[in-house]
Protein backbone atom coordinates (compact mmCIF):
# COMPACT_ATOMS: atom_id res chain seq x y z
CA MET A 1 127.75 93.02 111.93
CA THR A 2 128.37 96.02 109.62
CA GLU A 3 126.53 99.37 109.96
CA ILE A 4 124.76 98.62 106.62
CA ALA A 5 123.73 95.15 107.73
CA HIS A 6 122.46 96.82 111.03
CA ASN A 7 120.56 99.45 109.11
CA LEU A 8 118.92 96.81 106.83
CA ALA A 9 117.81 94.80 109.84
CA GLN A 10 116.18 97.95 111.26
CA ILE A 11 114.50 98.67 108.01
CA HIS A 12 113.09 95.17 107.83
CA GLN A 13 111.86 95.56 111.50
CA LYS A 14 110.18 98.70 110.52
CA ILE A 15 108.51 97.07 107.48
CA ALA A 16 107.27 94.24 109.73
CA THR A 17 105.85 96.67 112.29
CA ALA A 18 104.14 98.80 109.66
CA SER A 19 102.75 95.59 108.10
CA ALA A 20 101.46 94.15 111.10
CA ARG A 21 99.79 97.54 112.17
CA CYS A 22 97.54 97.31 108.94
CA GLY A 23 96.96 93.53 108.96
CA ARG A 24 99.54 92.66 106.30
CA THR A 25 102.76 90.36 106.58
CA PRO A 26 106.16 91.62 106.04
CA GLU A 27 106.44 89.23 102.89
CA ASP A 28 103.83 91.50 101.22
CA VAL A 29 106.39 94.30 101.03
CA ILE A 30 109.64 94.08 99.04
CA LEU A 31 112.61 96.25 100.14
CA LEU A 32 114.44 97.95 97.28
CA ALA A 33 117.76 99.36 98.33
CA VAL A 34 118.43 102.53 96.55
CA SER A 35 122.21 102.46 95.95
CA LYS A 36 122.74 105.50 93.78
CA THR A 37 126.03 107.45 94.26
CA LYS A 38 127.06 104.73 96.53
CA PRO A 39 130.35 102.70 95.95
CA VAL A 40 130.40 99.03 95.09
CA GLN A 41 131.88 98.33 98.56
CA ALA A 42 128.64 99.62 100.22
CA ILE A 43 126.61 97.45 97.92
CA SER A 44 128.80 94.42 98.68
CA GLU A 45 128.16 94.83 102.48
CA ALA A 46 124.39 95.02 101.73
CA ILE A 47 124.73 91.91 99.51
CA ALA A 48 126.61 90.11 102.41
CA ALA A 49 123.64 90.97 104.57
CA GLY A 50 121.20 89.25 102.25
CA GLN A 51 119.99 92.24 100.22
CA ARG A 52 119.47 91.24 96.38
CA LEU A 53 117.34 94.28 94.96
CA PHE A 54 119.08 97.50 94.17
CA GLY A 55 117.85 100.73 92.70
CA GLU A 56 119.84 103.11 90.54
CA ASN A 57 118.95 106.60 89.31
CA TYR A 58 121.92 107.21 86.97
CA VAL A 59 122.23 104.94 84.04
CA GLN A 60 125.98 104.77 83.38
CA GLU A 61 126.71 104.49 87.10
CA GLY A 62 124.15 101.62 87.31
CA VAL A 63 125.47 99.80 84.26
CA ASN A 64 129.09 100.02 85.87
CA LYS A 65 127.85 98.43 89.03
CA ILE A 66 125.78 95.66 87.17
CA HIS A 67 129.01 94.73 85.24
CA HIS A 68 131.24 94.91 88.36
CA PHE A 69 129.22 92.41 90.18
CA ALA A 70 128.69 90.20 87.07
CA GLU A 71 132.42 90.04 86.66
CA LEU A 72 132.78 88.97 90.26
CA GLY A 73 130.37 86.00 89.37
CA ILE A 74 127.77 87.18 92.01
CA THR A 75 124.33 85.89 90.79
CA GLY A 76 120.89 86.44 91.98
CA LEU A 77 121.01 90.29 92.13
CA GLU A 78 118.03 92.40 90.70
CA TRP A 79 118.75 95.68 89.22
CA HIS A 80 116.08 98.36 89.11
CA PHE A 81 116.39 101.70 87.21
CA ILE A 82 114.44 104.25 89.07
CA GLY A 83 115.51 107.66 87.67
CA PRO A 84 114.26 109.75 84.88
CA LEU A 85 115.00 108.11 81.58
CA GLN A 86 116.27 110.09 78.69
CA SER A 87 115.87 108.61 75.23
CA ASN A 88 119.51 108.49 74.45
CA LYS A 89 120.12 106.27 77.61
CA SER A 90 117.25 103.87 76.99
CA ARG A 91 119.31 101.32 75.10
CA LEU A 92 121.60 100.93 78.25
CA VAL A 93 118.51 100.39 80.42
CA ALA A 94 117.01 97.86 78.10
CA GLU A 95 120.30 95.90 77.80
CA ASN A 96 121.44 95.89 81.43
CA PHE A 97 118.57 96.36 83.78
CA ASP A 98 115.94 93.93 85.08
CA TRP A 99 113.31 96.58 85.86
CA CYS A 100 112.49 100.17 84.71
CA HIS A 101 110.21 102.03 87.18
CA THR A 102 109.93 105.27 85.14
CA VAL A 103 108.11 104.63 82.02
CA GLU A 104 105.93 107.67 81.29
CA SER A 105 105.35 107.66 77.52
CA LEU A 106 104.69 105.25 74.67
CA ARG A 107 107.89 106.69 73.02
CA ILE A 108 110.17 105.52 75.88
CA ALA A 109 108.23 102.18 76.27
CA THR A 110 108.69 101.49 72.45
CA ARG A 111 112.40 102.31 72.61
CA LEU A 112 112.91 99.94 75.50
CA ASN A 113 110.83 97.32 73.76
CA THR A 114 112.85 97.50 70.57
CA GLN A 115 116.26 97.70 72.38
CA ARG A 116 115.65 94.91 74.90
CA PRO A 117 117.91 92.01 73.67
CA PRO A 118 116.03 88.89 72.50
CA HIS A 119 118.02 86.51 74.70
CA LEU A 120 116.81 88.26 77.87
CA PRO A 121 113.44 87.97 79.38
CA PRO A 122 111.05 90.91 78.92
CA LEU A 123 112.06 94.05 80.75
CA ASN A 124 109.79 94.55 83.85
CA VAL A 125 108.32 97.99 83.81
CA LEU A 126 106.19 100.18 85.88
CA ILE A 127 104.33 103.24 84.73
CA GLN A 128 105.30 106.44 86.75
CA ILE A 129 102.35 108.38 87.98
CA ASN A 130 102.83 112.10 88.92
CA ILE A 131 100.34 111.69 91.76
CA SER A 132 100.89 115.08 93.36
CA ASP A 133 100.87 116.82 90.01
CA GLU A 134 104.23 118.48 90.42
CA GLN A 135 105.77 120.34 87.47
CA SER A 136 109.27 119.22 88.82
CA LYS A 137 108.31 115.59 88.78
CA SER A 138 108.21 113.05 85.95
CA GLY A 139 105.18 110.84 85.42
CA ILE A 140 101.80 110.93 83.81
CA SER A 141 98.28 111.76 85.33
CA LEU A 142 95.99 109.11 86.45
CA GLU A 143 93.66 110.22 83.71
CA GLN A 144 96.39 109.15 81.14
CA LEU A 145 97.00 105.73 82.74
CA ASP A 146 94.58 103.56 80.89
CA THR A 147 95.77 104.55 77.48
CA LEU A 148 99.44 104.15 78.22
CA ALA A 149 98.92 100.83 79.98
CA THR A 150 97.06 99.48 76.96
CA GLU A 151 99.82 100.42 74.80
CA VAL A 152 102.62 99.09 76.98
CA ALA A 153 100.91 95.74 77.56
CA LEU A 154 101.10 95.10 73.77
CA LEU A 155 104.88 95.40 73.61
CA PRO A 156 106.44 91.86 73.63
CA GLY A 157 109.79 93.06 74.91
CA LEU A 158 108.23 94.55 78.11
CA LYS A 159 106.32 93.11 80.94
CA LEU A 160 103.85 95.41 82.68
CA ARG A 161 104.22 94.96 86.31
CA GLY A 162 102.40 97.90 87.86
CA LEU A 163 102.92 101.52 89.00
CA MET A 164 105.34 103.78 90.76
CA ALA A 165 105.06 107.11 92.26
CA ILE A 166 107.05 109.86 94.21
CA PRO A 167 104.41 111.76 96.17
CA ALA A 168 105.20 115.33 97.30
CA PRO A 169 106.17 115.67 100.94
CA GLU A 170 103.14 115.90 103.14
CA PRO A 171 102.82 117.54 106.53
CA ASP A 172 101.52 114.45 108.48
CA TYR A 173 100.55 110.73 108.21
CA ASP A 174 96.90 111.25 107.24
CA SER A 175 97.80 113.56 104.34
CA GLN A 176 100.38 110.87 103.21
CA LEU A 177 97.93 108.11 103.57
CA ALA A 178 95.29 109.94 101.47
CA VAL A 179 97.64 110.37 98.54
CA CYS A 180 99.02 106.83 98.95
CA ARG A 181 95.38 105.47 98.83
CA LYS A 182 94.90 107.27 95.45
CA MET A 183 97.74 105.23 94.06
CA ALA A 184 96.71 102.10 95.50
CA ALA A 185 93.29 102.63 94.06
CA ALA A 186 94.74 102.96 90.64
CA TYR A 187 97.03 99.98 91.19
CA GLU A 188 94.07 97.68 92.24
CA LYS A 189 92.20 98.82 89.11
CA LEU A 190 95.22 98.01 86.82
CA LYS A 191 95.72 94.61 88.49
CA HIS A 192 92.17 93.65 87.66
CA ARG A 193 92.95 94.39 83.97
CA TYR A 194 96.30 92.63 83.55
CA SER A 195 97.50 89.40 85.02
CA THR A 196 101.03 90.52 85.00
CA VAL A 197 100.48 93.39 87.28
CA ASP A 198 101.64 92.74 90.77
CA THR A 199 103.74 95.64 91.97
CA LEU A 200 103.14 99.07 93.50
CA SER A 201 106.36 100.94 94.01
CA LEU A 202 105.42 103.56 96.68
CA GLY A 203 106.97 104.76 99.71
CA MET A 204 110.32 105.92 100.89
CA SER A 205 111.89 106.73 104.24
CA ASP A 206 109.51 109.61 105.27
CA ASP A 207 106.24 107.95 104.10
CA MET A 208 106.97 104.27 104.16
CA ASP A 209 104.40 103.61 106.98
CA ALA A 210 101.56 105.44 105.11
CA ALA A 211 102.52 103.59 101.81
CA ILE A 212 102.38 100.26 103.45
CA ALA A 213 99.04 100.96 105.05
CA ALA A 214 97.69 101.90 101.74
CA GLY A 215 99.02 98.70 99.91
CA SER A 216 102.55 99.32 98.54
CA THR A 217 104.26 96.18 97.63
CA MET A 218 107.68 97.70 97.23
CA VAL A 219 109.44 100.52 99.22
CA ARG A 220 112.45 102.31 98.07
CA ILE A 221 114.99 102.99 100.87
CA GLY A 222 118.44 104.50 100.38
CA THR A 223 119.84 106.90 103.05
CA ALA A 224 118.44 104.90 105.89
CA ILE A 225 120.51 101.96 104.58
CA PHE A 226 123.62 103.52 103.16
CA GLY A 227 123.90 106.79 104.87
CA ALA A 228 123.72 110.39 103.44
CA ARG A 229 124.78 110.73 99.79
CA ASP A 230 127.72 112.64 98.48
CA TYR A 231 126.57 113.93 95.02
CA SER A 232 129.92 115.61 94.47
CA ALA A 233 131.53 112.16 94.11
CA ARG A 234 129.56 111.32 90.89
């Protein structure tokens, strides 16, 4: 077993333990492996271990990886764009990725909708919420959610699947849980409005347990799977 395969097995066990603790099943929580800055060899090891969902923060890097595995004939992979999206990169996301987690404006949503090729299924999108109201973070406020969700749901090239957030670091589990429950409440409300909504992308290595307890359906884990990132290699 490779180190990456071992790490994946450990993460799945942690998800199972956290799920059982709050009366959920491990199948309720999807693992998104955040592969940004990691070489294709590391992703290949994760694929060999059964991982199929990968998250990328940098558009061109992600597109290169998508093309690499497509050229190898490897099917069944799902590629999620999880980084801030600039308008000049929206076409690459619309044409290559399966999901975009970081929709935060009608302008970006409209561009993705227009640029999604008609032969592809609608692009799965999540609206990003700036749940901790951090100036350094992307996303909209909860007060803006209803309006943007209404607009996004009308775009035929997109499929509104739910919400994503990156909460600010909190000092303890109870504080993490309080923030995650705010997101979960907004997600449940959205789910009642739209039949397509089924995804709450919430929780990373440091707050995964609290996110799962609150109701997250997708956790984003990178370093714990692939090891520390070397940003100088980008």
